[in-house]
N, C-alpha and C. Protein backbone atom coordinates (compact mmCIF):
# COMPACT_ATOMS: atom_id res chain seq x y z
N MET A 1 16.60 36.96 10.74
CA MET A 1 16.66 36.18 9.56
C MET A 1 17.33 34.80 9.86
N ALA A 2 18.20 34.74 10.86
CA ALA A 2 18.85 33.49 11.24
C ALA A 2 17.77 32.51 11.83
N SER A 3 16.80 33.09 12.53
CA SER A 3 15.81 32.21 13.09
C SER A 3 14.94 31.56 12.03
N LEU A 4 14.73 32.26 10.89
CA LEU A 4 13.93 31.64 9.83
C LEU A 4 14.80 30.54 9.17
N ASN A 5 16.08 30.64 9.03
CA ASN A 5 16.89 29.59 8.46
C ASN A 5 16.85 28.39 9.41
N VAL A 6 17.03 28.65 10.65
CA VAL A 6 16.95 27.56 11.71
C VAL A 6 15.59 26.84 11.59
N TYR A 7 14.60 27.62 11.50
CA TYR A 7 13.27 27.04 11.49
C TYR A 7 13.10 26.28 10.25
N SER A 8 13.52 26.67 9.07
CA SER A 8 13.56 25.96 7.77
C SER A 8 14.26 24.62 7.88
N VAL A 9 15.47 24.66 8.51
CA VAL A 9 16.24 23.55 8.78
C VAL A 9 15.47 22.43 9.59
N LEU A 10 14.86 22.95 10.74
CA LEU A 10 14.15 22.05 11.56
C LEU A 10 12.91 21.40 10.83
N VAL A 11 12.21 22.22 10.07
CA VAL A 11 11.09 21.64 9.40
C VAL A 11 11.52 20.65 8.37
N VAL A 12 12.68 20.88 7.62
CA VAL A 12 13.08 19.86 6.70
C VAL A 12 13.54 18.55 7.43
N LEU A 13 14.23 18.75 8.62
CA LEU A 13 14.71 17.61 9.42
C LEU A 13 13.52 16.85 9.88
N PHE A 14 12.52 17.48 10.41
CA PHE A 14 11.32 16.89 10.96
C PHE A 14 10.62 16.05 9.86
N LEU A 15 10.42 16.59 8.70
CA LEU A 15 9.78 15.89 7.61
C LEU A 15 10.67 14.67 7.04
N THR A 16 11.91 14.90 7.09
CA THR A 16 12.89 13.84 6.62
C THR A 16 12.72 12.62 7.66
N CYS A 17 12.83 12.97 8.86
CA CYS A 17 12.85 11.93 10.00
C CYS A 17 11.52 11.26 9.94
N GLY A 18 10.46 11.97 9.71
CA GLY A 18 9.12 11.39 9.64
C GLY A 18 8.98 10.33 8.52
N ALA A 19 9.52 10.77 7.39
CA ALA A 19 9.55 9.89 6.22
C ALA A 19 10.31 8.62 6.47
N VAL A 20 11.52 8.78 7.06
CA VAL A 20 12.45 7.64 7.45
C VAL A 20 11.66 6.76 8.38
N MET A 21 11.11 7.37 9.35
CA MET A 21 10.40 6.53 10.39
C MET A 21 9.27 5.79 9.80
N ALA A 22 8.46 6.42 8.88
CA ALA A 22 7.32 5.73 8.21
C ALA A 22 7.87 4.61 7.34
N THR A 23 9.01 4.81 6.73
CA THR A 23 9.53 3.74 5.94
C THR A 23 9.95 2.53 6.85
N LYS A 24 10.70 2.87 7.89
CA LYS A 24 11.02 1.80 8.87
C LYS A 24 9.86 1.14 9.44
N GLN A 25 8.88 1.86 9.69
CA GLN A 25 7.61 1.29 10.29
C GLN A 25 6.90 0.31 9.33
N ASN A 26 6.77 0.66 7.99
CA ASN A 26 6.20 -0.16 7.04
C ASN A 26 7.12 -1.36 6.80
N ASP A 27 8.42 -1.15 6.70
CA ASP A 27 9.31 -2.36 6.59
C ASP A 27 9.27 -3.34 7.68
N GLN A 28 9.12 -2.79 8.89
CA GLN A 28 8.98 -3.61 10.15
C GLN A 28 7.61 -4.40 10.11
N ILE A 29 6.50 -3.69 9.74
CA ILE A 29 5.23 -4.50 9.59
C ILE A 29 5.36 -5.55 8.60
N ILE A 30 5.90 -5.22 7.44
CA ILE A 30 6.03 -6.17 6.37
C ILE A 30 6.89 -7.37 6.83
N LYS A 31 7.99 -7.13 7.40
CA LYS A 31 8.84 -8.24 7.92
C LYS A 31 8.22 -9.09 8.96
N GLU A 32 7.68 -8.44 9.96
CA GLU A 32 7.05 -9.19 11.13
C GLU A 32 5.96 -9.99 10.74
N ASN A 33 5.19 -9.60 9.76
CA ASN A 33 3.93 -10.34 9.38
C ASN A 33 4.15 -11.20 8.09
N ASN A 34 5.45 -11.31 7.60
CA ASN A 34 5.69 -12.16 6.45
C ASN A 34 4.79 -11.73 5.24
N CYS A 35 4.57 -10.40 5.16
CA CYS A 35 3.62 -9.93 4.08
C CYS A 35 4.04 -10.26 2.67
N GLU A 36 5.31 -10.37 2.42
CA GLU A 36 5.75 -10.62 1.09
C GLU A 36 5.72 -12.07 0.59
N THR A 37 5.36 -12.86 1.51
CA THR A 37 5.26 -14.36 1.19
C THR A 37 3.80 -14.84 1.07
N LYS A 38 2.85 -14.03 1.37
CA LYS A 38 1.45 -14.47 1.48
C LYS A 38 0.70 -14.44 0.18
N MET A 39 1.26 -13.86 -0.87
CA MET A 39 0.58 -13.81 -2.15
C MET A 39 1.53 -14.30 -3.23
N GLY A 40 0.92 -15.03 -4.20
CA GLY A 40 1.68 -15.53 -5.31
C GLY A 40 2.09 -14.32 -6.14
N LEU A 41 3.18 -14.47 -6.93
CA LEU A 41 3.65 -13.39 -7.76
C LEU A 41 2.48 -12.99 -8.85
N PRO A 42 1.83 -13.91 -9.57
CA PRO A 42 0.83 -13.45 -10.47
C PRO A 42 -0.24 -12.52 -9.88
N CYS A 43 -0.60 -12.87 -8.58
CA CYS A 43 -1.64 -12.13 -7.94
C CYS A 43 -1.12 -10.81 -7.46
N VAL A 44 0.17 -10.70 -7.09
CA VAL A 44 0.83 -9.54 -6.77
C VAL A 44 0.81 -8.60 -7.86
N LEU A 45 1.20 -9.01 -9.10
CA LEU A 45 1.23 -8.23 -10.31
C LEU A 45 -0.21 -7.77 -10.63
N GLU A 46 -1.21 -8.60 -10.46
CA GLU A 46 -2.57 -8.23 -10.71
C GLU A 46 -2.96 -7.11 -9.91
N ALA A 47 -2.75 -7.28 -8.54
CA ALA A 47 -3.19 -6.28 -7.59
C ALA A 47 -2.45 -4.94 -7.78
N PHE A 48 -1.11 -5.06 -8.09
CA PHE A 48 -0.31 -3.75 -8.42
C PHE A 48 -0.85 -3.11 -9.62
N THR A 49 -1.09 -3.87 -10.67
CA THR A 49 -1.69 -3.19 -11.88
C THR A 49 -2.98 -2.61 -11.61
N ASN A 50 -3.80 -3.24 -10.87
CA ASN A 50 -5.24 -2.72 -10.54
C ASN A 50 -5.07 -1.44 -9.74
N ILE A 51 -4.02 -1.27 -8.88
CA ILE A 51 -4.04 -0.12 -7.91
C ILE A 51 -3.15 1.00 -8.59
N PHE A 52 -2.01 0.63 -9.22
CA PHE A 52 -1.11 1.65 -9.70
C PHE A 52 -1.24 2.01 -11.17
N LYS A 53 -2.00 1.20 -11.88
CA LYS A 53 -2.24 1.44 -13.25
C LYS A 53 -3.67 1.29 -13.56
N THR A 54 -4.04 0.59 -14.59
CA THR A 54 -5.46 0.31 -14.92
C THR A 54 -5.54 -1.22 -15.15
N GLY A 55 -6.44 -1.92 -14.52
CA GLY A 55 -6.64 -3.29 -14.73
C GLY A 55 -7.62 -3.84 -13.74
N SER A 56 -7.89 -5.13 -13.87
CA SER A 56 -8.89 -5.77 -12.93
C SER A 56 -8.15 -6.80 -12.17
N ILE A 57 -8.79 -7.21 -11.07
CA ILE A 57 -8.22 -8.22 -10.28
C ILE A 57 -9.16 -9.46 -10.28
N SER A 58 -8.68 -10.65 -10.53
CA SER A 58 -9.56 -11.85 -10.53
C SER A 58 -9.99 -12.17 -9.13
N ASN A 59 -11.05 -13.06 -9.17
CA ASN A 59 -11.59 -13.54 -7.92
C ASN A 59 -10.54 -14.36 -7.11
N LYS A 60 -9.71 -15.09 -7.79
CA LYS A 60 -8.67 -15.84 -7.13
C LYS A 60 -7.68 -14.91 -6.45
N CYS A 61 -7.28 -13.88 -7.07
CA CYS A 61 -6.36 -12.86 -6.51
C CYS A 61 -7.04 -11.98 -5.44
N CYS A 62 -8.32 -11.78 -5.58
CA CYS A 62 -9.02 -11.15 -4.47
C CYS A 62 -9.01 -11.97 -3.28
N GLY A 63 -9.10 -13.28 -3.43
CA GLY A 63 -9.02 -14.22 -2.24
C GLY A 63 -7.64 -14.15 -1.60
N GLU A 64 -6.56 -14.08 -2.42
CA GLU A 64 -5.27 -14.09 -1.84
C GLU A 64 -5.01 -12.65 -1.15
N LEU A 65 -5.63 -11.61 -1.80
CA LEU A 65 -5.50 -10.28 -1.16
C LEU A 65 -6.10 -10.25 0.18
N VAL A 66 -7.37 -10.73 0.33
CA VAL A 66 -7.95 -10.80 1.63
C VAL A 66 -7.22 -11.71 2.67
N VAL A 67 -6.62 -12.80 2.17
CA VAL A 67 -5.86 -13.69 3.11
C VAL A 67 -4.61 -12.84 3.57
N LEU A 68 -4.04 -12.02 2.60
CA LEU A 68 -2.91 -11.18 3.00
C LEU A 68 -3.22 -10.30 4.16
N GLY A 69 -4.42 -9.77 4.16
CA GLY A 69 -4.90 -8.89 5.27
C GLY A 69 -4.72 -7.47 4.93
N LYS A 70 -5.54 -6.71 5.50
CA LYS A 70 -5.66 -5.17 5.32
C LYS A 70 -4.33 -4.56 5.77
N PHE A 71 -3.81 -5.03 6.91
CA PHE A 71 -2.63 -4.44 7.46
C PHE A 71 -1.47 -4.61 6.51
N CYS A 72 -1.20 -5.81 5.96
CA CYS A 72 -0.07 -6.02 5.05
C CYS A 72 -0.34 -5.23 3.79
N HIS A 73 -1.63 -5.33 3.25
CA HIS A 73 -1.88 -4.61 2.07
C HIS A 73 -1.58 -3.19 2.17
N SER A 74 -2.02 -2.48 3.15
CA SER A 74 -1.73 -1.16 3.36
C SER A 74 -0.20 -0.76 3.48
N ALA A 75 0.48 -1.68 4.29
CA ALA A 75 1.94 -1.34 4.47
C ALA A 75 2.61 -1.60 3.11
N LEU A 76 2.27 -2.56 2.30
CA LEU A 76 2.96 -2.77 1.03
C LEU A 76 2.64 -1.65 0.09
N VAL A 77 1.44 -1.10 0.08
CA VAL A 77 1.09 -0.01 -0.93
C VAL A 77 1.86 1.24 -0.39
N LYS A 78 1.95 1.50 0.95
CA LYS A 78 2.59 2.66 1.41
C LYS A 78 4.14 2.57 1.17
N ARG A 79 4.62 1.38 1.27
CA ARG A 79 6.08 1.25 1.01
C ARG A 79 6.45 1.44 -0.48
N THR A 80 5.49 0.96 -1.35
CA THR A 80 5.65 1.17 -2.79
C THR A 80 5.62 2.61 -3.11
N LEU A 81 4.71 3.43 -2.48
CA LEU A 81 4.62 4.79 -2.66
C LEU A 81 5.84 5.51 -2.27
N GLU A 82 6.67 4.97 -1.28
CA GLU A 82 7.83 5.62 -0.89
C GLU A 82 8.95 5.55 -1.81
N ASN A 83 8.84 4.58 -2.69
CA ASN A 83 9.94 4.40 -3.77
C ASN A 83 9.92 5.65 -4.72
N ARG A 84 11.15 6.05 -4.98
CA ARG A 84 11.26 7.32 -5.94
C ARG A 84 10.76 7.04 -7.26
N LEU A 85 10.64 5.74 -7.67
CA LEU A 85 10.07 5.49 -8.98
C LEU A 85 8.56 6.07 -9.13
N PHE A 86 7.94 6.08 -8.01
CA PHE A 86 6.53 6.47 -7.93
C PHE A 86 6.23 7.88 -7.39
N LYS A 87 7.33 8.74 -7.47
CA LYS A 87 7.20 10.17 -6.93
C LYS A 87 6.22 11.03 -7.66
N ASP A 88 5.96 10.57 -8.96
CA ASP A 88 5.01 11.51 -9.74
C ASP A 88 3.59 11.06 -9.51
N ILE A 89 3.34 10.02 -8.76
CA ILE A 89 1.96 9.46 -8.65
C ILE A 89 1.33 10.08 -7.46
N SER A 90 0.14 10.43 -7.50
CA SER A 90 -0.53 11.04 -6.32
C SER A 90 -0.83 10.06 -5.34
N PRO A 91 -0.24 10.23 -4.11
CA PRO A 91 -0.53 9.16 -3.00
C PRO A 91 -2.01 9.09 -2.59
N VAL A 92 -2.69 10.22 -2.77
CA VAL A 92 -4.13 10.26 -2.36
C VAL A 92 -4.92 9.39 -3.37
N THR A 93 -4.59 9.49 -4.58
CA THR A 93 -5.29 8.66 -5.64
C THR A 93 -4.97 7.13 -5.48
N ILE A 94 -3.74 6.86 -5.18
CA ILE A 94 -3.32 5.46 -4.96
C ILE A 94 -3.96 4.82 -3.70
N ILE A 95 -3.93 5.60 -2.57
CA ILE A 95 -4.55 5.16 -1.43
C ILE A 95 -6.06 4.87 -1.65
N ALA A 96 -6.73 5.78 -2.37
CA ALA A 96 -8.11 5.55 -2.68
C ALA A 96 -8.33 4.35 -3.52
N LYS A 97 -7.46 4.19 -4.57
CA LYS A 97 -7.63 2.90 -5.41
C LYS A 97 -7.35 1.68 -4.64
N SER A 98 -6.44 1.77 -3.65
CA SER A 98 -5.98 0.61 -2.77
C SER A 98 -7.22 0.23 -1.92
N THR A 99 -7.81 1.30 -1.31
CA THR A 99 -8.96 1.10 -0.42
C THR A 99 -10.16 0.48 -1.24
N GLN A 100 -10.35 1.06 -2.42
CA GLN A 100 -11.42 0.48 -3.25
C GLN A 100 -11.15 -0.91 -3.66
N THR A 101 -10.01 -1.25 -3.96
CA THR A 101 -9.61 -2.60 -4.41
C THR A 101 -9.86 -3.60 -3.17
N TRP A 102 -9.42 -3.15 -2.02
CA TRP A 102 -9.58 -3.97 -0.81
C TRP A 102 -11.11 -4.17 -0.55
N ASN A 103 -11.84 -3.01 -0.57
CA ASN A 103 -13.34 -3.19 -0.28
C ASN A 103 -14.08 -4.08 -1.25
N ASN A 104 -13.64 -3.94 -2.55
CA ASN A 104 -14.37 -4.70 -3.62
C ASN A 104 -13.99 -6.29 -3.39
N CYS A 105 -12.74 -6.53 -3.15
CA CYS A 105 -12.33 -7.87 -2.94
C CYS A 105 -13.00 -8.45 -1.64
N LEU A 106 -13.01 -7.72 -0.59
CA LEU A 106 -13.64 -8.16 0.61
C LEU A 106 -15.09 -8.50 0.39
N ALA A 107 -15.84 -7.57 -0.28
CA ALA A 107 -17.20 -7.81 -0.60
C ALA A 107 -17.42 -9.10 -1.46
N LEU A 108 -16.47 -9.29 -2.41
CA LEU A 108 -16.57 -10.38 -3.28
C LEU A 108 -16.34 -11.68 -2.60
N ILE A 109 -15.42 -11.70 -1.66
CA ILE A 109 -15.09 -12.86 -0.89
C ILE A 109 -16.11 -13.21 0.16
N ASP A 110 -16.65 -12.07 0.83
CA ASP A 110 -17.73 -12.28 1.78
C ASP A 110 -19.12 -12.61 1.34
N SER A 111 -19.24 -12.26 0.04
CA SER A 111 -20.71 -12.64 -0.58
C SER A 111 -20.97 -13.98 -0.77
N PRO A 112 -22.16 -14.47 -0.49
CA PRO A 112 -22.35 -15.82 -0.73
C PRO A 112 -22.40 -16.21 -2.23
N SER A 113 -22.00 -17.39 -2.54
CA SER A 113 -21.92 -17.86 -3.92
C SER A 113 -23.33 -18.04 -4.45
N PRO A 114 -23.56 -17.54 -5.74
CA PRO A 114 -24.97 -17.75 -6.27
C PRO A 114 -25.45 -19.26 -6.33
N SER A 115 -24.51 -20.20 -6.30
CA SER A 115 -24.94 -21.65 -6.44
C SER A 115 -25.19 -22.08 -5.06
N ALA A 116 -25.03 -21.37 -3.99
CA ALA A 116 -25.32 -21.82 -2.66
C ALA A 116 -26.80 -21.83 -2.33
C-alpha cells in the first residue's frame, strides 16, 4: 500500500513539474521574442475574443497576428490557458480555435487582392 502512495506522489509531482516547466517555457518564448509588444491592444482583444469567446477578427488584426508569428501566437494562447481563470475552458477546443484563426488569417493575408 505504501508503494501506491509513493507512486501517487510521484505522479502528482511529475505532472506539477511538467506544468511549471511548460509555463516557464512559454514565458521564456514570449519574453525572448518580444511577443507581447508585436500586436496593438485592440487587435489583441479581437484575437482573444475570436479564440476564447465568439467573435470575428478584422483583416487589419489578421495582418498583425501573422506578423506576430505562429510561435508567439501559440505561446500566448498556451500561457493564457495556464491561467486559473480559464480552468473550465477545454484546452482542446481553444487550441483548435486558435489554429483555425491562425490558418484563416494566414490564408487571408497570403491571398492576392481582388483588385490586383
